[in-house]
N, C-alpha and C. Protein backbone atom coordinates (compact mmCIF):
# COMPACT_ATOMS: atom_id res chain seq x y z
N MET A 1 7.23 5.12 -22.98
CA MET A 1 7.00 5.95 -21.80
C MET A 1 6.49 5.08 -20.65
N SER A 2 6.94 5.35 -19.44
CA SER A 2 6.59 4.54 -18.28
C SER A 2 5.22 4.91 -17.73
N HIS A 3 4.59 3.96 -17.08
CA HIS A 3 3.36 4.20 -16.34
C HIS A 3 3.76 4.73 -14.96
N LEU A 4 3.07 5.77 -14.49
CA LEU A 4 3.47 6.46 -13.27
C LEU A 4 2.54 6.12 -12.10
N PHE A 5 3.15 5.85 -10.95
CA PHE A 5 2.42 5.50 -9.74
C PHE A 5 2.91 6.34 -8.57
N THR A 6 1.99 6.68 -7.68
CA THR A 6 2.35 7.31 -6.42
C THR A 6 2.67 6.23 -5.40
N LEU A 7 3.66 6.45 -4.57
CA LEU A 7 4.00 5.49 -3.52
C LEU A 7 3.02 5.65 -2.36
N HIS A 8 2.25 4.60 -2.11
CA HIS A 8 1.27 4.61 -1.03
C HIS A 8 1.75 3.79 0.16
N TYR A 9 1.03 3.94 1.25
CA TYR A 9 1.27 3.13 2.45
C TYR A 9 0.60 1.78 2.24
N LEU A 10 1.39 0.73 2.03
CA LEU A 10 0.88 -0.61 1.78
C LEU A 10 -0.28 -0.55 0.78
N PRO A 11 0.02 -0.27 -0.49
CA PRO A 11 -1.00 0.05 -1.50
C PRO A 11 -2.11 -0.97 -1.60
N CYS A 12 -3.22 -0.52 -2.19
CA CYS A 12 -4.38 -1.38 -2.38
C CYS A 12 -4.09 -2.42 -3.48
N ILE A 13 -4.92 -3.42 -3.55
CA ILE A 13 -4.74 -4.51 -4.51
C ILE A 13 -4.78 -4.00 -5.95
N ALA A 14 -5.67 -3.02 -6.23
CA ALA A 14 -5.77 -2.47 -7.58
C ALA A 14 -4.45 -1.84 -8.02
N TRP A 15 -3.76 -1.18 -7.10
CA TRP A 15 -2.45 -0.57 -7.39
C TRP A 15 -1.51 -1.65 -7.94
N PHE A 16 -1.48 -2.79 -7.28
CA PHE A 16 -0.59 -3.88 -7.70
C PHE A 16 -1.07 -4.54 -8.99
N GLN A 17 -2.38 -4.66 -9.15
CA GLN A 17 -2.89 -5.22 -10.41
C GLN A 17 -2.39 -4.43 -11.61
N HIS A 18 -2.45 -3.12 -11.51
CA HIS A 18 -1.99 -2.27 -12.61
C HIS A 18 -0.46 -2.29 -12.71
N TYR A 19 0.22 -2.26 -11.58
CA TYR A 19 1.69 -2.20 -11.60
C TYR A 19 2.29 -3.44 -12.27
N VAL A 20 1.79 -4.61 -11.92
CA VAL A 20 2.37 -5.84 -12.47
C VAL A 20 2.00 -6.03 -13.94
N ARG A 21 0.99 -5.32 -14.40
CA ARG A 21 0.53 -5.46 -15.78
C ARG A 21 1.51 -4.82 -16.77
N TYR A 22 2.27 -3.83 -16.29
CA TYR A 22 3.14 -3.08 -17.20
C TYR A 22 4.61 -3.30 -16.85
N PRO A 23 5.43 -3.73 -17.79
CA PRO A 23 6.85 -3.96 -17.50
C PRO A 23 7.61 -2.68 -17.19
N GLU A 24 7.11 -1.55 -17.70
CA GLU A 24 7.76 -0.26 -17.43
C GLU A 24 6.85 0.57 -16.54
N SER A 25 7.14 0.55 -15.25
CA SER A 25 6.37 1.32 -14.28
C SER A 25 7.33 2.11 -13.41
N CYS A 26 6.94 3.35 -13.08
CA CYS A 26 7.81 4.23 -12.29
C CYS A 26 7.06 4.78 -11.09
N ILE A 27 7.78 4.91 -9.99
CA ILE A 27 7.26 5.59 -8.80
C ILE A 27 7.60 7.07 -8.91
N GLU A 28 6.60 7.94 -8.69
CA GLU A 28 6.83 9.38 -8.75
C GLU A 28 7.71 9.82 -7.57
N LEU A 29 8.78 10.53 -7.89
CA LEU A 29 9.74 10.95 -6.86
C LEU A 29 9.75 12.46 -6.65
N HIS A 30 9.01 13.21 -7.48
CA HIS A 30 9.15 14.66 -7.48
C HIS A 30 7.84 15.41 -7.29
N ASP A 31 6.82 14.76 -6.74
CA ASP A 31 5.55 15.44 -6.54
C ASP A 31 5.42 16.00 -5.12
N ASN A 32 4.50 16.95 -4.94
CA ASN A 32 4.21 17.50 -3.63
C ASN A 32 3.28 16.56 -2.86
N TYR A 33 3.36 16.65 -1.55
CA TYR A 33 2.49 15.83 -0.71
C TYR A 33 1.09 16.42 -0.69
N ASN A 34 0.08 15.57 -0.85
CA ASN A 34 -1.32 15.98 -0.77
C ASN A 34 -2.00 15.26 0.38
N LYS A 35 -2.83 15.99 1.11
CA LYS A 35 -3.54 15.41 2.24
C LYS A 35 -4.68 14.50 1.76
N GLN A 36 -5.13 13.65 2.68
CA GLN A 36 -6.27 12.77 2.46
C GLN A 36 -6.09 11.88 1.22
N THR A 37 -4.93 11.27 1.15
CA THR A 37 -4.64 10.30 0.10
C THR A 37 -4.12 9.03 0.76
N TYR A 38 -3.82 8.03 -0.07
CA TYR A 38 -3.30 6.78 0.47
C TYR A 38 -1.79 6.82 0.69
N ARG A 39 -1.20 7.98 0.61
CA ARG A 39 0.22 8.09 0.91
C ARG A 39 0.49 7.77 2.38
N ASN A 40 -0.46 8.12 3.25
CA ASN A 40 -0.25 7.87 4.67
C ASN A 40 -1.39 7.06 5.30
N ARG A 41 -2.11 6.31 4.47
CA ARG A 41 -3.18 5.47 5.04
C ARG A 41 -3.39 4.23 4.18
N CYS A 42 -3.85 3.18 4.83
CA CYS A 42 -4.24 1.97 4.12
C CYS A 42 -5.46 1.39 4.81
N LYS A 43 -6.11 0.45 4.14
CA LYS A 43 -7.34 -0.13 4.67
C LYS A 43 -7.17 -1.64 4.81
N ILE A 44 -7.39 -2.15 6.02
CA ILE A 44 -7.32 -3.58 6.28
C ILE A 44 -8.68 -4.06 6.75
N LEU A 45 -8.85 -5.38 6.86
CA LEU A 45 -10.11 -5.94 7.33
C LEU A 45 -9.90 -6.50 8.73
N ALA A 46 -10.53 -5.85 9.71
CA ALA A 46 -10.38 -6.24 11.11
C ALA A 46 -11.68 -6.89 11.62
N ALA A 47 -11.69 -7.25 12.90
CA ALA A 47 -12.81 -7.97 13.48
C ALA A 47 -14.11 -7.19 13.43
N ASN A 48 -14.00 -5.84 13.42
CA ASN A 48 -15.20 -4.99 13.38
C ASN A 48 -15.46 -4.41 12.00
N GLY A 49 -14.77 -4.92 11.00
CA GLY A 49 -14.97 -4.44 9.63
C GLY A 49 -13.74 -3.75 9.07
N ALA A 50 -13.91 -3.08 7.94
CA ALA A 50 -12.80 -2.39 7.30
C ALA A 50 -12.25 -1.31 8.23
N LEU A 51 -10.93 -1.24 8.32
CA LEU A 51 -10.28 -0.33 9.26
C LEU A 51 -9.19 0.46 8.55
N ASP A 52 -9.22 1.79 8.70
CA ASP A 52 -8.17 2.65 8.14
C ASP A 52 -7.03 2.78 9.14
N LEU A 53 -5.81 2.52 8.67
CA LEU A 53 -4.61 2.80 9.46
C LEU A 53 -4.00 4.06 8.89
N ILE A 54 -3.89 5.11 9.71
CA ILE A 54 -3.43 6.42 9.24
C ILE A 54 -2.13 6.80 9.95
N ILE A 55 -1.12 7.11 9.16
CA ILE A 55 0.18 7.50 9.71
C ILE A 55 0.20 9.00 9.99
N PRO A 56 0.47 9.42 11.23
CA PRO A 56 0.58 10.85 11.52
C PRO A 56 1.91 11.40 10.99
N ILE A 57 1.85 12.61 10.44
CA ILE A 57 3.04 13.19 9.82
C ILE A 57 3.29 14.61 10.34
N LYS A 58 4.48 15.11 10.05
CA LYS A 58 4.83 16.50 10.32
C LYS A 58 4.88 17.23 8.98
N LYS A 59 3.95 18.15 8.76
CA LYS A 59 3.91 18.88 7.50
C LYS A 59 4.25 20.35 7.79
N LYS A 60 5.27 20.86 7.12
CA LYS A 60 5.81 22.17 7.45
C LYS A 60 5.26 23.29 6.58
N SER A 61 4.76 22.96 5.39
CA SER A 61 4.24 23.99 4.50
C SER A 61 3.17 23.41 3.60
N SER A 62 2.41 24.30 2.94
CA SER A 62 1.33 23.85 2.07
C SER A 62 1.85 23.13 0.83
N LYS A 63 3.04 23.51 0.37
CA LYS A 63 3.67 22.85 -0.76
C LYS A 63 4.99 22.27 -0.32
N GLN A 64 5.00 20.98 -0.11
CA GLN A 64 6.18 20.30 0.38
C GLN A 64 6.35 18.99 -0.37
N LEU A 65 7.56 18.71 -0.81
CA LEU A 65 7.81 17.47 -1.53
C LEU A 65 7.46 16.27 -0.66
N TYR A 66 6.81 15.30 -1.28
CA TYR A 66 6.44 14.07 -0.58
C TYR A 66 7.67 13.43 0.08
N THR A 67 8.80 13.44 -0.61
CA THR A 67 10.00 12.78 -0.10
C THR A 67 10.57 13.45 1.15
N THR A 68 10.10 14.67 1.48
CA THR A 68 10.62 15.38 2.66
C THR A 68 9.67 15.32 3.86
N ILE A 69 8.52 14.69 3.70
CA ILE A 69 7.55 14.62 4.79
C ILE A 69 8.06 13.72 5.90
N GLU A 70 8.14 14.25 7.11
CA GLU A 70 8.66 13.50 8.25
C GLU A 70 7.55 12.79 9.01
N LEU A 71 7.89 11.66 9.58
CA LEU A 71 6.96 10.91 10.42
C LEU A 71 6.82 11.57 11.78
N GLU A 72 5.66 11.45 12.37
CA GLU A 72 5.41 11.97 13.71
C GLU A 72 5.88 10.94 14.75
N PHE A 73 6.55 11.43 15.80
CA PHE A 73 7.05 10.53 16.83
C PHE A 73 6.53 10.88 18.22
N ASP A 74 5.50 11.73 18.29
CA ASP A 74 4.97 12.13 19.60
C ASP A 74 4.22 11.00 20.29
N PHE A 75 3.74 10.02 19.53
CA PHE A 75 3.14 8.84 20.15
C PHE A 75 3.48 7.63 19.29
N ASP A 76 3.33 6.46 19.87
CA ASP A 76 3.82 5.24 19.22
C ASP A 76 2.78 4.65 18.28
N TRP A 77 2.53 5.33 17.17
CA TRP A 77 1.57 4.84 16.18
C TRP A 77 2.06 3.55 15.52
N ARG A 78 3.38 3.37 15.43
CA ARG A 78 3.92 2.17 14.79
C ARG A 78 3.43 0.91 15.51
N SER A 79 3.53 0.93 16.83
CA SER A 79 3.07 -0.23 17.61
C SER A 79 1.56 -0.42 17.45
N GLN A 80 0.82 0.68 17.43
CA GLN A 80 -0.63 0.60 17.26
C GLN A 80 -0.99 -0.03 15.92
N HIS A 81 -0.30 0.41 14.86
CA HIS A 81 -0.59 -0.15 13.54
C HIS A 81 -0.25 -1.63 13.48
N TRP A 82 0.91 -1.98 14.02
CA TRP A 82 1.32 -3.38 13.96
C TRP A 82 0.40 -4.26 14.80
N GLN A 83 -0.04 -3.76 15.94
CA GLN A 83 -0.98 -4.52 16.77
C GLN A 83 -2.31 -4.72 16.05
N SER A 84 -2.74 -3.68 15.32
CA SER A 84 -3.98 -3.80 14.55
C SER A 84 -3.84 -4.84 13.45
N ILE A 85 -2.68 -4.85 12.79
CA ILE A 85 -2.42 -5.82 11.73
C ILE A 85 -2.37 -7.24 12.31
N GLN A 86 -1.70 -7.38 13.44
CA GLN A 86 -1.63 -8.69 14.10
C GLN A 86 -3.01 -9.19 14.48
N SER A 87 -3.83 -8.30 15.04
CA SER A 87 -5.18 -8.67 15.47
C SER A 87 -6.04 -9.06 14.27
N ALA A 88 -5.87 -8.34 13.15
CA ALA A 88 -6.68 -8.59 11.96
C ALA A 88 -6.28 -9.88 11.25
N TYR A 89 -4.97 -10.15 11.19
CA TYR A 89 -4.49 -11.23 10.33
C TYR A 89 -3.74 -12.34 11.06
N GLY A 90 -3.74 -12.28 12.38
CA GLY A 90 -3.01 -13.30 13.14
C GLY A 90 -3.46 -14.72 12.85
N LYS A 91 -4.73 -14.89 12.47
CA LYS A 91 -5.26 -16.22 12.19
C LYS A 91 -5.30 -16.53 10.69
N SER A 92 -4.77 -15.65 9.87
CA SER A 92 -4.74 -15.91 8.43
C SER A 92 -3.72 -16.99 8.11
N ALA A 93 -3.86 -17.59 6.95
CA ALA A 93 -3.06 -18.76 6.60
C ALA A 93 -1.56 -18.51 6.53
N PHE A 94 -1.17 -17.28 6.13
CA PHE A 94 0.25 -17.03 5.87
C PHE A 94 0.84 -15.90 6.71
N PHE A 95 0.12 -15.46 7.74
CA PHE A 95 0.62 -14.35 8.56
C PHE A 95 1.97 -14.67 9.19
N GLU A 96 2.08 -15.82 9.82
CA GLU A 96 3.32 -16.17 10.51
C GLU A 96 4.50 -16.31 9.54
N PHE A 97 4.21 -16.63 8.30
CA PHE A 97 5.25 -16.79 7.29
C PHE A 97 5.95 -15.46 6.98
N TYR A 98 5.18 -14.35 7.03
CA TYR A 98 5.71 -13.04 6.65
C TYR A 98 5.87 -12.07 7.82
N ALA A 99 5.26 -12.38 8.95
CA ALA A 99 5.11 -11.40 10.04
C ALA A 99 6.42 -10.81 10.54
N ASP A 100 7.43 -11.62 10.75
CA ASP A 100 8.69 -11.13 11.33
C ASP A 100 9.33 -10.04 10.46
N SER A 101 9.25 -10.21 9.15
CA SER A 101 9.86 -9.24 8.24
C SER A 101 9.14 -7.89 8.31
N PHE A 102 7.82 -7.92 8.41
CA PHE A 102 7.07 -6.67 8.52
C PHE A 102 7.28 -6.04 9.90
N ALA A 103 7.33 -6.85 10.93
CA ALA A 103 7.52 -6.33 12.28
C ALA A 103 8.82 -5.55 12.40
N LYS A 104 9.87 -6.00 11.73
CA LYS A 104 11.17 -5.32 11.79
C LYS A 104 11.08 -3.89 11.26
N ILE A 105 10.28 -3.68 10.21
CA ILE A 105 10.14 -2.33 9.66
C ILE A 105 9.36 -1.45 10.62
N TYR A 106 8.31 -1.99 11.22
CA TYR A 106 7.53 -1.19 12.18
C TYR A 106 8.33 -0.88 13.44
N GLU A 107 9.31 -1.69 13.74
CA GLU A 107 10.13 -1.46 14.94
C GLU A 107 11.33 -0.56 14.66
N ASP A 108 11.61 -0.27 13.40
CA ASP A 108 12.81 0.47 13.02
C ASP A 108 12.58 1.99 13.12
N VAL A 109 12.95 2.57 14.24
CA VAL A 109 12.74 4.01 14.46
C VAL A 109 13.77 4.87 13.72
N SER A 110 14.72 4.25 13.05
CA SER A 110 15.69 5.03 12.27
C SER A 110 15.07 5.55 10.97
N ILE A 111 13.92 5.02 10.58
CA ILE A 111 13.23 5.50 9.39
C ILE A 111 12.46 6.76 9.78
N LYS A 112 12.85 7.90 9.23
CA LYS A 112 12.34 9.19 9.68
C LYS A 112 11.29 9.81 8.76
N THR A 113 11.27 9.43 7.48
CA THR A 113 10.35 10.06 6.53
C THR A 113 9.27 9.09 6.08
N LEU A 114 8.13 9.65 5.71
CA LEU A 114 7.02 8.84 5.23
C LEU A 114 7.40 8.08 3.97
N TYR A 115 8.09 8.74 3.06
CA TYR A 115 8.46 8.11 1.80
C TYR A 115 9.37 6.90 2.05
N ALA A 116 10.35 7.08 2.92
CA ALA A 116 11.28 5.98 3.21
C ALA A 116 10.57 4.81 3.88
N PHE A 117 9.64 5.12 4.77
CA PHE A 117 8.88 4.07 5.45
C PHE A 117 8.03 3.29 4.46
N ASN A 118 7.31 4.02 3.59
CA ASN A 118 6.48 3.37 2.59
C ASN A 118 7.31 2.55 1.60
N LEU A 119 8.48 3.08 1.27
CA LEU A 119 9.34 2.37 0.31
C LEU A 119 9.88 1.07 0.90
N GLN A 120 10.26 1.11 2.17
CA GLN A 120 10.73 -0.12 2.83
C GLN A 120 9.64 -1.19 2.80
N LEU A 121 8.42 -0.78 3.08
CA LEU A 121 7.31 -1.73 3.07
C LEU A 121 7.04 -2.24 1.65
N LEU A 122 7.10 -1.34 0.66
CA LEU A 122 6.85 -1.76 -0.71
C LEU A 122 7.91 -2.75 -1.18
N GLU A 123 9.16 -2.47 -0.87
CA GLU A 123 10.24 -3.39 -1.25
C GLU A 123 10.03 -4.76 -0.63
N LEU A 124 9.57 -4.79 0.62
CA LEU A 124 9.30 -6.06 1.28
C LEU A 124 8.13 -6.80 0.61
N VAL A 125 7.09 -6.06 0.27
CA VAL A 125 5.94 -6.69 -0.41
C VAL A 125 6.38 -7.28 -1.75
N PHE A 126 7.20 -6.53 -2.51
CA PHE A 126 7.73 -7.05 -3.77
C PHE A 126 8.48 -8.36 -3.53
N LYS A 127 9.26 -8.41 -2.47
CA LYS A 127 10.03 -9.61 -2.15
C LYS A 127 9.10 -10.76 -1.78
N CYS A 128 8.09 -10.47 -0.97
CA CYS A 128 7.15 -11.52 -0.56
C CYS A 128 6.35 -12.05 -1.74
N LEU A 129 6.00 -11.17 -2.66
CA LEU A 129 5.25 -11.57 -3.84
C LEU A 129 6.13 -12.25 -4.88
N LYS A 130 7.45 -12.13 -4.70
CA LYS A 130 8.43 -12.64 -5.66
C LYS A 130 8.24 -11.99 -7.04
N MET A 131 8.04 -10.67 -6.99
CA MET A 131 7.89 -9.90 -8.22
C MET A 131 9.25 -9.71 -8.88
N GLN A 132 9.30 -9.91 -10.16
CA GLN A 132 10.55 -9.78 -10.90
C GLN A 132 10.85 -8.34 -11.28
N GLN A 133 9.81 -7.50 -11.29
CA GLN A 133 10.02 -6.09 -11.62
C GLN A 133 10.79 -5.39 -10.51
N SER A 134 11.73 -4.55 -10.90
CA SER A 134 12.43 -3.72 -9.93
C SER A 134 11.67 -2.40 -9.76
N ILE A 135 11.97 -1.68 -8.72
CA ILE A 135 11.32 -0.40 -8.47
C ILE A 135 12.17 0.70 -9.11
N SER A 136 11.59 1.43 -10.05
CA SER A 136 12.29 2.54 -10.68
C SER A 136 11.56 3.84 -10.37
N TYR A 137 12.25 4.97 -10.59
CA TYR A 137 11.73 6.26 -10.16
C TYR A 137 11.78 7.28 -11.30
N THR A 138 10.91 8.27 -11.21
CA THR A 138 10.95 9.37 -12.17
C THR A 138 12.19 10.22 -11.91
N THR A 139 12.67 10.89 -12.95
CA THR A 139 13.82 11.80 -12.81
C THR A 139 13.38 13.25 -12.71
N THR A 140 12.21 13.57 -13.23
CA THR A 140 11.63 14.91 -13.13
C THR A 140 10.12 14.76 -13.00
N TYR A 141 9.46 15.87 -12.64
CA TYR A 141 8.01 15.84 -12.56
C TYR A 141 7.42 16.36 -13.86
N SER A 142 6.35 15.72 -14.33
CA SER A 142 5.71 16.16 -15.57
C SER A 142 4.21 16.04 -15.47
N ASN A 143 3.49 17.08 -15.95
CA ASN A 143 2.04 17.03 -16.06
C ASN A 143 1.60 16.52 -17.42
N GLU A 144 2.55 16.44 -18.34
CA GLU A 144 2.23 16.08 -19.72
C GLU A 144 2.27 14.56 -19.92
N ILE A 145 1.39 13.89 -19.18
CA ILE A 145 1.30 12.44 -19.27
C ILE A 145 -0.12 12.07 -19.69
N THR A 146 -0.25 11.16 -20.64
CA THR A 146 -1.59 10.74 -21.05
C THR A 146 -2.29 10.02 -19.91
N THR A 147 -3.61 10.13 -19.89
CA THR A 147 -4.40 9.53 -18.81
C THR A 147 -4.15 8.04 -18.66
N SER A 148 -3.97 7.36 -19.77
CA SER A 148 -3.80 5.90 -19.73
C SER A 148 -2.48 5.49 -19.09
N LEU A 149 -1.54 6.42 -18.98
CA LEU A 149 -0.24 6.11 -18.40
C LEU A 149 -0.12 6.57 -16.95
N ASP A 150 -1.02 7.44 -16.53
CA ASP A 150 -0.86 8.13 -15.25
C ASP A 150 -1.80 7.55 -14.19
N PHE A 151 -1.23 6.84 -13.22
CA PHE A 151 -2.00 6.28 -12.12
C PHE A 151 -1.78 7.04 -10.82
N ARG A 152 -1.17 8.21 -10.90
CA ARG A 152 -0.79 8.94 -9.68
C ARG A 152 -1.98 9.40 -8.86
N GLY A 153 -3.10 9.69 -9.50
CA GLY A 153 -4.27 10.14 -8.74
C GLY A 153 -5.45 9.19 -8.84
N LYS A 154 -5.19 7.96 -9.25
CA LYS A 154 -6.28 7.03 -9.55
C LYS A 154 -6.97 6.50 -8.30
N TYR A 155 -6.23 6.27 -7.23
CA TYR A 155 -6.78 5.62 -6.05
C TYR A 155 -7.05 6.66 -4.97
N ASN A 156 -8.29 6.75 -4.53
CA ASN A 156 -8.70 7.84 -3.65
C ASN A 156 -9.51 7.32 -2.48
N PRO A 157 -9.15 7.69 -1.23
CA PRO A 157 -9.90 7.23 -0.05
C PRO A 157 -11.37 7.66 -0.07
N LYS A 158 -11.70 8.71 -0.83
CA LYS A 158 -13.08 9.19 -0.88
C LYS A 158 -13.95 8.37 -1.83
N ASN A 159 -13.34 7.46 -2.57
CA ASN A 159 -14.10 6.60 -3.48
C ASN A 159 -14.89 5.58 -2.67
N VAL A 160 -16.19 5.71 -2.66
CA VAL A 160 -17.05 4.83 -1.86
C VAL A 160 -16.98 3.39 -2.35
N ASN A 161 -17.03 3.20 -3.66
CA ASN A 161 -16.99 1.85 -4.23
C ASN A 161 -15.59 1.57 -4.76
N ARG A 162 -14.71 1.16 -3.89
CA ARG A 162 -13.32 0.98 -4.26
C ARG A 162 -13.11 -0.23 -5.17
N ALA A 163 -14.08 -1.12 -5.21
CA ALA A 163 -13.96 -2.29 -6.08
C ALA A 163 -13.89 -1.89 -7.55
N ASN A 164 -14.43 -0.70 -7.87
CA ASN A 164 -14.41 -0.22 -9.26
C ASN A 164 -12.99 0.09 -9.73
N GLU A 165 -12.06 0.22 -8.81
CA GLU A 165 -10.67 0.52 -9.19
C GLU A 165 -9.94 -0.73 -9.69
N LEU A 166 -10.49 -1.89 -9.40
CA LEU A 166 -9.86 -3.14 -9.78
C LEU A 166 -9.98 -3.40 -11.28
N LEU A 167 -8.97 -4.03 -11.85
CA LEU A 167 -9.09 -4.50 -13.22
C LEU A 167 -10.18 -5.57 -13.30
N GLN A 168 -10.19 -6.43 -12.30
CA GLN A 168 -11.26 -7.41 -12.13
C GLN A 168 -11.19 -7.90 -10.68
N PRO A 169 -12.32 -8.32 -10.11
CA PRO A 169 -12.32 -8.81 -8.72
C PRO A 169 -11.39 -10.00 -8.55
N ILE A 170 -10.79 -10.10 -7.38
CA ILE A 170 -9.93 -11.24 -7.06
C ILE A 170 -10.63 -12.09 -6.01
N VAL A 171 -10.72 -13.37 -6.27
CA VAL A 171 -11.41 -14.28 -5.35
C VAL A 171 -10.37 -15.02 -4.50
N TYR A 172 -10.44 -14.82 -3.19
CA TYR A 172 -9.57 -15.52 -2.25
C TYR A 172 -10.25 -15.51 -0.89
N TRP A 173 -9.87 -16.42 -0.02
CA TRP A 173 -10.48 -16.51 1.31
C TRP A 173 -9.98 -15.38 2.20
N GLN A 174 -10.90 -14.72 2.92
CA GLN A 174 -10.56 -13.66 3.87
C GLN A 174 -10.91 -14.11 5.29
N VAL A 175 -10.14 -13.64 6.26
CA VAL A 175 -10.30 -14.09 7.64
C VAL A 175 -11.73 -13.90 8.15
N PHE A 176 -12.32 -12.72 7.88
CA PHE A 176 -13.65 -12.43 8.41
C PHE A 176 -14.73 -12.49 7.33
N GLU A 177 -14.51 -13.35 6.36
CA GLU A 177 -15.44 -13.46 5.23
C GLU A 177 -16.83 -13.91 5.67
N GLU A 178 -16.91 -14.84 6.62
CA GLU A 178 -18.21 -15.33 7.08
C GLU A 178 -19.00 -14.22 7.77
N LYS A 179 -18.31 -13.26 8.34
CA LYS A 179 -18.95 -12.17 9.08
C LYS A 179 -19.36 -11.02 8.17
N PHE A 180 -18.49 -10.67 7.21
CA PHE A 180 -18.71 -9.47 6.39
C PHE A 180 -18.90 -9.76 4.90
N GLY A 181 -18.74 -11.01 4.49
CA GLY A 181 -18.73 -11.29 3.07
C GLY A 181 -17.39 -10.87 2.48
N THR A 182 -17.26 -10.96 1.17
CA THR A 182 -16.01 -10.59 0.52
C THR A 182 -15.90 -9.08 0.38
N ILE A 183 -14.79 -8.51 0.83
CA ILE A 183 -14.53 -7.07 0.67
C ILE A 183 -13.34 -6.92 -0.27
N GLN A 184 -13.57 -6.26 -1.39
CA GLN A 184 -12.56 -6.14 -2.43
C GLN A 184 -11.66 -4.93 -2.24
N ASN A 185 -10.48 -5.03 -2.78
CA ASN A 185 -9.53 -3.92 -2.92
C ASN A 185 -9.07 -3.32 -1.59
N LEU A 186 -8.76 -4.18 -0.65
CA LEU A 186 -8.14 -3.73 0.59
C LEU A 186 -6.64 -3.57 0.35
N SER A 187 -5.89 -3.29 1.40
CA SER A 187 -4.44 -3.23 1.29
C SER A 187 -3.90 -4.56 0.79
N ILE A 188 -2.78 -4.51 0.11
CA ILE A 188 -2.11 -5.72 -0.38
C ILE A 188 -1.86 -6.72 0.75
N LEU A 189 -1.78 -6.24 2.00
CA LEU A 189 -1.58 -7.14 3.13
C LEU A 189 -2.69 -8.18 3.21
N ASP A 190 -3.92 -7.77 2.89
CA ASP A 190 -5.04 -8.69 2.99
C ASP A 190 -4.86 -9.86 2.04
N LEU A 191 -4.44 -9.57 0.83
CA LEU A 191 -4.20 -10.64 -0.14
C LEU A 191 -2.99 -11.47 0.25
N LEU A 192 -1.91 -10.82 0.62
CA LEU A 192 -0.66 -11.52 0.93
C LEU A 192 -0.82 -12.47 2.11
N PHE A 193 -1.41 -12.00 3.20
CA PHE A 193 -1.54 -12.82 4.40
C PHE A 193 -2.56 -13.96 4.22
N ASN A 194 -3.53 -13.75 3.35
CA ASN A 194 -4.56 -14.78 3.15
C ASN A 194 -4.23 -15.75 2.02
N ALA A 195 -3.56 -15.26 0.97
CA ALA A 195 -3.30 -16.11 -0.20
C ALA A 195 -1.85 -16.52 -0.34
N GLY A 196 -0.93 -15.84 0.35
CA GLY A 196 0.47 -16.23 0.36
C GLY A 196 1.10 -16.31 -1.02
N PRO A 197 1.80 -17.40 -1.33
CA PRO A 197 2.52 -17.54 -2.60
C PRO A 197 1.63 -17.45 -3.84
N GLU A 198 0.34 -17.62 -3.67
CA GLU A 198 -0.59 -17.55 -4.80
C GLU A 198 -0.92 -16.10 -5.18
N SER A 199 -0.53 -15.14 -4.34
CA SER A 199 -0.95 -13.75 -4.51
C SER A 199 -0.57 -13.17 -5.87
N LEU A 200 0.66 -13.38 -6.30
CA LEU A 200 1.11 -12.78 -7.55
C LEU A 200 0.32 -13.31 -8.74
N SER A 201 0.08 -14.62 -8.78
CA SER A 201 -0.69 -15.17 -9.89
C SER A 201 -2.12 -14.63 -9.88
N LEU A 202 -2.69 -14.38 -8.70
CA LEU A 202 -4.03 -13.80 -8.62
C LEU A 202 -4.03 -12.37 -9.14
N LEU A 203 -2.98 -11.62 -8.87
CA LEU A 203 -2.87 -10.25 -9.35
C LEU A 203 -2.75 -10.20 -10.87
N LYS A 204 -2.15 -11.19 -11.45
CA LYS A 204 -1.90 -11.19 -12.90
C LYS A 204 -3.06 -11.73 -13.72
N LYS A 205 -4.04 -12.36 -13.07
CA LYS A 205 -5.15 -12.95 -13.82
C LYS A 205 -5.99 -11.87 -14.52
């Protein structure tokens, strides 16, 4: 039986630690969208500390499939998010190595749904990490999953001590480490832009 994961917006490091640990992992394709989750937000480390990037969405009903949630286009949040990422990681060791590929996704207004946007970013992260695992999906929704296999509700923005979600802390240099000390379990972007090609081996330790 596969381990189940929810598709998040640039998932946290703990998400990837667990995902790479299991050869059979699936992204949930048939669940309803829930508010105040990491489906439409991620946390990066900026000059003033940890910063939440939140994607505005169009939600039409209380019970709506995650795959049908549309992105909001009333204001240019894409540019705001990318500018925040550039400001946070522009001086990191590997930002310029990956930046153009991420910028293309943020500039692509043909992506209309939250799920498609998150999936494009996840596929790019897999490519940057040189992960050998492919992305597979559930065929139906099931509640009858043992706790040890189900990671769909494991990562929560309301968790004050997010480091507890990690299998173990990961040690790597962060851009604002001298100012804030080490902050664990940020978005995978923090690890990727700071550790580059070493990121996957750090996730597997």
